[in-house]
Amino acid sequence: MNEQDTTAVLSPIQTQVEELEQISQPESTNSSQGHPAEPAGQAGKTSPERKRSGKTPEPKRFKIFSGSSNRALAEEICKFVGVPLGEARLQRFSDGEVHFQLLENVRGADVFLVQPTCYPVDQHLVELLIMMDALKRASAGRITVVVPYYGYARQDRKDRPRVAITSKLVADLLTTAGANRALLVDLHAAQIQGFFNIPVDHLFASPVLVSHFRDMNLPDLTVVSPDAGGVERARFFAKKLDVPLAIVDKRRTDINVTEVMNVIGDVKGRTCLILDDIIDTAGTLVKTADALLEQGAKEVYACATHPVLSGPAIDRIRESRLKQVVVTNTIPLREEAQGLAKIKVLSIAGLLGRAIESIHMETSVSTLFN
């Protein structure tokens, strides 16, 4: 193609081409052709092609989105870390199917999705999976699922023939749906972390609970594990408070049915604090309190991370001899329980907020265990 043809093809941007040629040619060449020399300030002028991207974007902040299970906790976390809650629309069709739509750009963003899989467990789990799918298809850079309460965690092994291991199944579902990382709080069994093929940060609510009971300064305190499986958790708690440890030998006769056998440790004349991860029907909790009082305990308090409080739990706590039950807001407290004076709720929004910041900044999360 000759010079005339080339000029004809490029004529729509001829002015830009001429500018580029002037920039690339030495000053003497411009002068020899009768053109004035470029001002000194134009020598380093950026070409039009390099201006197309506009100004350099600011470093990307992380984004936090929430499902419907505990929006209040997500809003509290956002307030703590100083970012707005992500805009999204979560609706349901008349037959109950979930429809989720992101209302802001998440391309390349570090996204945290807050959704405890509490009651109704199946509904909130499916919500979480659908929200992750939407984020993945919107090209989110990294998706971290923040699951303060991990549903289906109590079925973590084959304790009888022909049963499912649901905690492994849920881990597979979260990974397949698009989770790149998981942030969990007080798993029912710590080994559930091993069911994930993605990084897992397992937080404990104990720093929040320990701080509360340290401030209460209860006299002659003994921490009590309601079963053998919670001994490690209770030992850590007792060590932080620098108090003795007792254990209740519990045998489970059926689902949600337990029988307390005996108390291991001296609780006579002492204030006892029962420590558990979940309060479901409160059957174990009330029977443990009764066993401790029969062994001569002066007062019995209880604390747990996850206030599931299903079935007759609230009535059992109301009618029990427990002095106080302290829980956290991993799960929103049922309406019937909100007016019960015996139940006190502590917030873990600060704990989760600091963990989210650490994950985003790629700093250590282990400092939050103290």
Protein backbone atom coordinates (compact mmCIF):
# COMPACT_ATOMS: atom_id res chain seq x y z
CA MET A 1 0.00 0.00 0.00
CA ASN A 2 1.51 3.43 -0.97
CA GLU A 3 1.72 6.49 1.30
CA GLN A 4 -1.42 8.09 -0.09
CA ASP A 5 -3.50 4.99 0.61
CA THR A 6 -2.16 4.73 4.14
CA THR A 7 -3.08 8.32 4.89
CA ALA A 8 -6.58 7.75 3.55
CA VAL A 9 -7.13 4.76 5.82
CA LEU A 10 -5.83 6.53 8.93
CA SER A 11 -7.48 9.89 8.19
CA PRO A 12 -10.00 9.64 11.09
CA ILE A 13 -7.11 9.78 13.56
CA GLN A 14 -4.66 11.66 11.40
CA THR A 15 -4.16 14.34 14.03
CA GLN A 16 -3.10 11.75 16.63
CA VAL A 17 -0.69 10.12 14.17
CA GLU A 18 0.94 13.44 13.41
CA GLU A 19 1.36 14.14 17.12
CA LEU A 20 2.97 10.75 17.64
CA GLU A 21 5.34 11.30 14.71
CA GLN A 22 6.34 14.70 16.09
CA ILE A 23 7.06 13.22 19.51
CA SER A 24 9.13 10.37 18.06
CA GLN A 25 11.23 12.60 15.73
CA PRO A 26 14.29 14.55 16.94
CA GLU A 27 13.93 18.31 17.37
CA SER A 28 16.30 19.01 14.48
CA THR A 29 14.09 17.09 12.07
CA ASN A 30 11.08 19.20 13.00
CA SER A 31 13.06 22.38 12.49
CA SER A 32 14.36 21.30 9.11
CA GLN A 33 10.80 20.74 7.86
CA GLY A 34 9.76 24.23 8.92
CA HIS A 35 7.84 23.14 11.98
CA PRO A 36 8.46 24.94 15.27
CA ALA A 37 10.34 22.95 17.88
CA GLU A 38 8.24 21.34 20.66
CA PRO A 39 8.14 23.19 23.96
CA ALA A 40 10.32 21.60 26.60
CA GLY A 41 7.28 20.57 28.62
CA GLN A 42 5.99 18.44 25.73
CA ALA A 43 9.07 16.25 25.47
CA GLY A 44 7.76 13.63 27.92
CA LYS A 45 4.12 13.85 26.81
CA THR A 46 2.24 10.56 27.22
CA SER A 47 0.84 9.14 24.01
CA PRO A 48 -2.96 9.05 23.51
CA GLU A 49 -2.94 5.23 23.61
CA ARG A 50 -1.52 5.28 27.14
CA LYS A 51 -4.27 7.64 28.29
CA ARG A 52 -7.12 5.34 27.41
CA SER A 53 -7.30 3.69 30.86
CA GLY A 54 -7.91 6.99 32.64
CA LYS A 55 -6.42 7.67 36.04
CA THR A 56 -4.93 4.78 37.94
CA PRO A 57 -7.58 3.20 40.21
CA GLU A 58 -7.09 3.28 43.96
CA PRO A 59 -6.09 0.02 45.68
CA LYS A 60 -9.16 -2.22 45.81
CA ARG A 61 -10.96 -2.49 49.12
CA PHE A 62 -12.64 -5.69 50.14
CA LYS A 63 -16.40 -6.05 49.87
CA ILE A 64 -18.78 -7.68 52.34
CA PHE A 65 -22.13 -9.17 51.33
CA SER A 66 -24.76 -10.82 53.48
CA GLY A 67 -27.50 -13.36 53.07
CA SER A 68 -30.77 -13.30 54.98
CA SER A 69 -29.80 -15.49 57.95
CA ASN A 70 -28.02 -12.85 60.10
CA ARG A 71 -27.93 -9.50 58.34
CA ALA A 72 -27.62 -7.65 61.65
CA LEU A 73 -24.26 -9.33 62.33
CA ALA A 74 -23.02 -8.48 58.81
CA GLU A 75 -24.00 -4.82 59.29
CA GLU A 76 -22.19 -4.75 62.64
CA ILE A 77 -19.06 -6.23 61.03
CA CYS A 78 -19.21 -3.61 58.26
CA LYS A 79 -19.50 -0.85 60.84
CA PHE A 80 -16.48 -2.21 62.69
CA VAL A 81 -14.22 -2.43 59.61
CA GLY A 82 -15.56 0.78 58.04
CA VAL A 83 -16.90 -0.52 54.73
CA PRO A 84 -20.50 -0.39 53.47
CA LEU A 85 -22.48 -3.60 53.18
CA GLY A 86 -22.53 -4.73 49.56
CA GLU A 87 -25.67 -3.99 47.57
CA ALA A 88 -27.57 -7.04 46.39
CA ARG A 89 -31.14 -8.19 45.85
CA LEU A 90 -32.28 -11.46 47.44
CA GLN A 91 -35.81 -12.57 46.53
CA ARG A 92 -37.85 -15.73 46.37
CA PHE A 93 -40.21 -17.07 43.77
CA SER A 94 -43.67 -18.12 44.91
CA ASP A 95 -42.52 -21.75 45.17
CA GLY A 96 -39.60 -20.78 47.43
CA GLU A 97 -36.74 -20.76 44.90
CA VAL A 98 -34.00 -18.22 45.64
CA HIS A 99 -33.23 -15.38 43.24
CA PHE A 100 -30.04 -13.43 43.98
CA GLN A 101 -28.57 -10.50 42.05
CA LEU A 102 -25.51 -8.38 42.78
CA LEU A 103 -26.18 -4.66 42.38
CA GLU A 104 -22.56 -3.54 42.23
CA ASN A 105 -19.37 -4.46 40.43
CA VAL A 106 -17.22 -7.14 42.11
CA ARG A 107 -14.83 -7.93 39.25
CA GLY A 108 -11.45 -8.76 40.76
CA ALA A 109 -12.59 -7.80 44.27
CA ASP A 110 -11.79 -9.60 47.51
CA VAL A 111 -15.29 -10.58 48.63
CA PHE A 112 -16.45 -11.83 52.04
CA LEU A 113 -19.88 -13.46 52.21
CA VAL A 114 -21.46 -13.59 55.69
CA GLN A 115 -24.08 -16.31 56.11
CA PRO A 116 -24.46 -18.62 59.13
CA THR A 117 -26.36 -21.76 58.13
CA CYS A 118 -28.80 -21.65 61.03
CA TYR A 119 -32.52 -22.44 61.12
CA PRO A 120 -33.95 -23.05 58.58
CA VAL A 121 -30.63 -24.71 57.80
CA ASP A 122 -31.43 -26.03 54.31
CA GLN A 123 -32.84 -22.69 53.14
CA HIS A 124 -29.85 -20.68 54.32
CA LEU A 125 -27.36 -23.21 52.96
CA VAL A 126 -28.92 -23.04 49.49
CA GLU A 127 -28.93 -19.23 49.69
CA LEU A 128 -25.20 -19.33 50.43
CA LEU A 129 -24.48 -21.62 47.48
CA ILE A 130 -26.48 -19.45 45.07
CA MET A 131 -24.83 -16.24 46.28
CA MET A 132 -21.40 -17.77 45.75
CA ASP A 133 -22.34 -18.86 42.25
CA ALA A 134 -23.41 -15.30 41.43
CA LEU A 135 -20.12 -13.91 42.77
CA LYS A 136 -18.11 -16.46 40.81
CA ARG A 137 -19.92 -15.64 37.57
CA ALA A 138 -19.41 -11.92 38.25
CA SER A 139 -15.62 -12.55 38.27
CA ALA A 140 -14.96 -11.85 41.94
CA GLY A 141 -11.24 -12.10 42.60
CA ARG A 142 -11.53 -14.20 45.76
CA ILE A 143 -14.58 -15.45 47.64
CA THR A 144 -14.30 -16.06 51.39
CA VAL A 145 -17.35 -17.59 53.03
CA VAL A 146 -17.82 -16.32 56.59
CA VAL A 147 -19.95 -18.97 58.30
CA PRO A 148 -20.24 -18.09 62.01
CA TYR A 149 -22.43 -21.15 62.55
CA TYR A 150 -21.61 -24.21 60.43
CA GLY A 151 -24.78 -26.28 60.05
CA TYR A 152 -24.70 -30.07 59.73
CA ALA A 153 -21.45 -30.14 61.73
CA ARG A 154 -22.70 -32.67 64.28
CA GLN A 155 -22.61 -35.51 61.77
CA ASP A 156 -18.84 -35.63 61.35
CA ARG A 157 -18.22 -39.41 61.35
CA LYS A 158 -19.95 -42.76 60.90
CA ASP A 159 -20.95 -43.46 64.47
CA ARG A 160 -23.49 -46.07 63.35
CA PRO A 161 -24.04 -48.10 60.17
CA ARG A 162 -25.34 -46.51 56.95
CA VAL A 163 -25.32 -42.85 57.99
CA ALA A 164 -24.11 -39.77 56.11
CA ILE A 165 -21.15 -37.56 57.04
CA THR A 166 -22.92 -34.28 56.43
CA SER A 167 -20.13 -31.97 57.60
CA LYS A 168 -17.94 -33.32 54.78
CA LEU A 169 -20.80 -33.00 52.30
CA VAL A 170 -21.34 -29.31 53.17
CA ALA A 171 -17.60 -28.64 52.86
CA ASP A 172 -17.65 -30.14 49.35
CA LEU A 173 -20.71 -28.09 48.40
CA LEU A 174 -19.10 -24.82 49.51
CA THR A 175 -15.89 -25.57 47.63
CA THR A 176 -17.68 -26.64 44.45
CA ALA A 177 -19.91 -23.55 44.53
CA GLY A 178 -16.84 -21.31 44.35
CA ALA A 179 -15.46 -20.62 47.83
CA ASN A 180 -11.72 -19.91 47.81
CA ARG A 181 -11.45 -19.66 51.58
CA ALA A 182 -13.62 -20.26 54.65
CA LEU A 183 -13.84 -18.39 57.96
CA LEU A 184 -15.62 -20.47 60.60
CA VAL A 185 -16.36 -20.03 64.31
CA ASP A 186 -16.28 -22.76 66.97
CA LEU A 187 -16.82 -25.88 64.89
CA HIS A 188 -18.52 -28.73 66.69
CA ALA A 189 -15.43 -30.82 65.96
CA ALA A 190 -12.14 -29.12 65.08
CA GLN A 191 -11.18 -31.87 62.62
CA ILE A 192 -13.94 -30.66 60.25
CA GLN A 193 -11.30 -28.24 58.95
CA GLY A 194 -9.71 -31.26 57.30
CA PHE A 195 -12.85 -31.88 55.24
CA PHE A 196 -12.10 -28.73 53.20
CA ASN A 197 -9.75 -28.63 50.23
CA ILE A 198 -9.40 -24.85 50.62
CA PRO A 199 -7.76 -22.78 53.39
CA VAL A 200 -9.86 -22.57 56.57
CA ASP A 201 -9.52 -20.04 59.38
CA HIS A 202 -11.13 -21.48 62.50
CA LEU A 203 -11.90 -18.82 65.11
CA PHE A 204 -13.02 -19.33 68.69
CA ALA A 205 -15.47 -17.13 70.57
CA SER A 206 -13.58 -17.85 73.79
CA PRO A 207 -11.73 -14.48 73.85
CA VAL A 208 -15.08 -12.69 73.95
CA LEU A 209 -16.56 -15.06 76.53
CA VAL A 210 -13.43 -15.16 78.72
CA SER A 211 -13.32 -11.36 78.81
CA HIS A 212 -16.96 -11.23 79.92
CA PHE A 213 -16.57 -13.73 82.78
CA ARG A 214 -13.27 -12.23 83.87
CA ASP A 215 -15.07 -8.92 84.29
CA MET A 216 -17.82 -10.66 86.28
CA ASN A 217 -15.17 -11.94 88.73
CA LEU A 218 -17.30 -14.84 89.98
CA PRO A 219 -16.06 -16.27 93.32
CA ASP A 220 -14.73 -19.87 93.59
CA LEU A 221 -15.28 -20.49 89.88
CA THR A 222 -14.93 -23.91 88.22
CA VAL A 223 -15.29 -24.42 84.47
CA VAL A 224 -17.30 -27.52 83.58
CA SER A 225 -17.25 -29.48 80.32
CA PRO A 226 -20.69 -31.08 79.74
CA ASP A 227 -19.15 -34.06 77.92
CA ALA A 228 -15.81 -35.66 77.09
CA GLY A 229 -15.76 -34.14 73.61
CA GLY A 230 -15.63 -30.60 75.00
CA VAL A 231 -12.78 -31.16 77.44
CA GLU A 232 -10.15 -29.45 75.31
CA ARG A 233 -12.34 -26.37 74.86
CA ALA A 234 -13.12 -26.22 78.58
CA ARG A 235 -9.47 -26.75 79.57
CA PHE A 236 -8.41 -23.80 77.40
CA PHE A 237 -11.19 -21.68 78.96
CA ALA A 238 -10.21 -22.69 82.50
CA LYS A 239 -6.56 -21.94 81.83
CA LYS A 240 -7.38 -18.44 80.59
CA LEU A 241 -9.45 -17.75 83.72
CA ASP A 242 -6.92 -19.57 85.93
CA VAL A 243 -9.61 -21.72 87.58
CA PRO A 244 -10.14 -25.51 88.08
CA LEU A 245 -11.79 -27.82 85.56
CA ALA A 246 -14.56 -30.42 86.04
CA ILE A 247 -16.06 -32.88 83.56
CA VAL A 248 -19.54 -34.39 83.32
CA ASP A 249 -19.73 -37.93 81.98
CA LYS A 250 -22.64 -37.90 79.53
CA ARG A 251 -24.13 -40.72 77.53
CA ARG A 252 -26.37 -40.02 74.57
CA THR A 253 -29.19 -42.54 74.27
CA ASP A 254 -30.73 -41.06 71.10
CA ILE A 255 -30.74 -37.92 68.95
CA ASN A 256 -31.31 -34.88 71.24
CA VAL A 257 -31.66 -37.26 74.22
CA THR A 258 -28.88 -37.49 76.82
CA GLU A 259 -28.42 -39.05 80.22
CA VAL A 260 -25.98 -37.54 82.71
CA MET A 261 -24.04 -40.20 84.60
CA ASN A 262 -21.65 -38.52 87.05
CA VAL A 263 -19.45 -35.52 87.73
CA ILE A 264 -15.66 -35.82 87.60
CA GLY A 265 -14.06 -33.17 89.79
CA ASP A 266 -14.81 -31.25 92.98
CA VAL A 267 -17.68 -28.77 92.58
CA LYS A 268 -19.00 -28.65 96.15
CA GLY A 269 -19.50 -25.07 97.37
CA ARG A 270 -18.21 -23.65 94.09
CA THR A 271 -19.68 -21.49 91.34
CA CYS A 272 -19.81 -23.61 88.18
CA LEU A 273 -19.63 -22.40 84.59
CA ILE A 274 -20.81 -24.91 81.98
CA LEU A 275 -19.06 -24.34 78.66
CA ASP A 276 -20.40 -25.72 75.37
CA ASP A 277 -20.28 -24.83 71.68
CA ILE A 278 -24.01 -25.28 70.90
CA ILE A 279 -27.19 -25.01 72.93
CA ASP A 280 -29.80 -26.83 70.87
CA THR A 281 -32.73 -28.24 72.85
CA ALA A 282 -30.97 -27.37 76.16
CA GLY A 283 -31.60 -30.87 77.48
CA THR A 284 -27.91 -31.54 78.14
CA LEU A 285 -27.46 -28.10 79.65
CA VAL A 286 -30.31 -28.39 82.16
CA LYS A 287 -29.39 -31.95 83.19
CA THR A 288 -25.77 -30.93 83.66
CA ALA A 289 -26.82 -28.00 85.85
CA ASP A 290 -29.02 -30.28 87.96
CA ALA A 291 -26.18 -32.79 88.37
CA LEU A 292 -23.78 -30.07 89.51
CA LEU A 293 -26.26 -28.65 92.03
CA GLU A 294 -26.88 -32.16 93.39
CA GLN A 295 -23.13 -32.48 93.90
CA GLY A 296 -23.17 -29.34 96.06
CA ALA A 297 -22.45 -26.56 93.57
CA LYS A 298 -23.40 -23.11 94.89
CA GLU A 299 -24.50 -21.51 91.59
CA VAL A 300 -24.44 -22.61 87.96
CA TYR A 301 -23.84 -20.36 84.96
CA ALA A 302 -23.61 -21.47 81.34
CA CYS A 303 -22.11 -20.11 78.15
CA ALA A 304 -22.07 -21.26 74.55
CA THR A 305 -21.13 -19.84 71.18
CA HIS A 306 -24.16 -20.85 69.13
CA PRO A 307 -27.69 -20.30 70.57
CA VAL A 308 -29.63 -22.68 68.32
CA LEU A 309 -32.39 -22.94 70.98
CA SER A 310 -34.70 -25.27 69.09
CA GLY A 311 -37.80 -27.06 70.32
CA PRO A 312 -38.38 -26.70 74.08
CA ALA A 313 -35.01 -25.04 74.75
CA ILE A 314 -36.35 -21.65 75.83
CA ASP A 315 -38.92 -23.12 78.22
CA ARG A 316 -36.27 -25.43 79.69
CA ILE A 317 -33.89 -22.54 80.32
CA ARG A 318 -36.67 -20.41 81.80
CA GLU A 319 -37.68 -23.15 84.24
CA SER A 320 -34.15 -24.32 85.04
CA ARG A 321 -32.01 -23.48 88.06
CA LEU A 322 -29.38 -21.83 85.87
CA LYS A 323 -28.35 -18.37 87.06
CA GLN A 324 -27.50 -17.02 83.59
CA VAL A 325 -26.83 -18.29 80.05
CA VAL A 326 -24.35 -16.26 77.99
CA VAL A 327 -24.25 -16.74 74.20
CA THR A 328 -22.91 -14.89 71.16
CA ASN A 329 -24.65 -13.49 68.10
CA THR A 330 -23.35 -16.04 65.57
CA ILE A 331 -27.05 -16.90 65.26
CA PRO A 332 -29.84 -14.34 65.68
CA LEU A 333 -31.65 -14.98 68.93
CA ARG A 334 -35.18 -16.30 68.52
CA GLU A 335 -37.90 -13.76 69.25
CA GLU A 336 -39.21 -15.78 72.19
CA ALA A 337 -35.74 -15.77 73.78
CA GLN A 338 -35.12 -12.04 73.44
CA GLY A 339 -37.32 -11.22 76.41
CA LEU A 340 -35.80 -13.88 78.65
CA ALA A 341 -33.72 -12.23 81.36
CA LYS A 342 -31.58 -15.33 81.90
CA ILE A 343 -30.07 -15.10 78.39
CA LYS A 344 -27.35 -12.55 77.65
CA VAL A 345 -25.93 -12.04 74.12
CA LEU A 346 -22.36 -10.93 73.40
CA SER A 347 -21.24 -9.71 69.99
CA ILE A 348 -18.41 -11.31 67.99
CA ALA A 349 -18.59 -8.70 65.20
CA GLY A 350 -15.25 -7.23 66.29
CA LEU A 351 -13.59 -10.66 66.28
CA LEU A 352 -14.89 -11.44 62.78
CA GLY A 353 -14.09 -7.93 61.57
CA ARG A 354 -10.47 -8.21 62.67
CA ALA A 355 -10.22 -11.65 61.05
CA ILE A 356 -11.61 -10.30 57.75
CA GLU A 357 -9.09 -7.46 57.80
CA SER A 358 -6.25 -9.88 58.51
CA ILE A 359 -7.27 -12.20 55.68
CA HIS A 360 -7.56 -9.29 53.25
CA MET A 361 -4.21 -7.81 54.30
CA GLU A 362 -2.66 -11.31 54.44
CA THR A 363 -1.49 -10.91 58.02
CA SER A 364 -1.63 -13.43 60.85
CA VAL A 365 -5.02 -14.48 62.19
CA SER A 366 -3.59 -16.45 65.11
CA THR A 367 -3.28 -13.32 67.26
CA LEU A 368 -7.09 -13.32 67.53
CA PHE A 369 -6.99 -16.50 69.59
CA ASN A 370 -5.71 -14.60 72.63
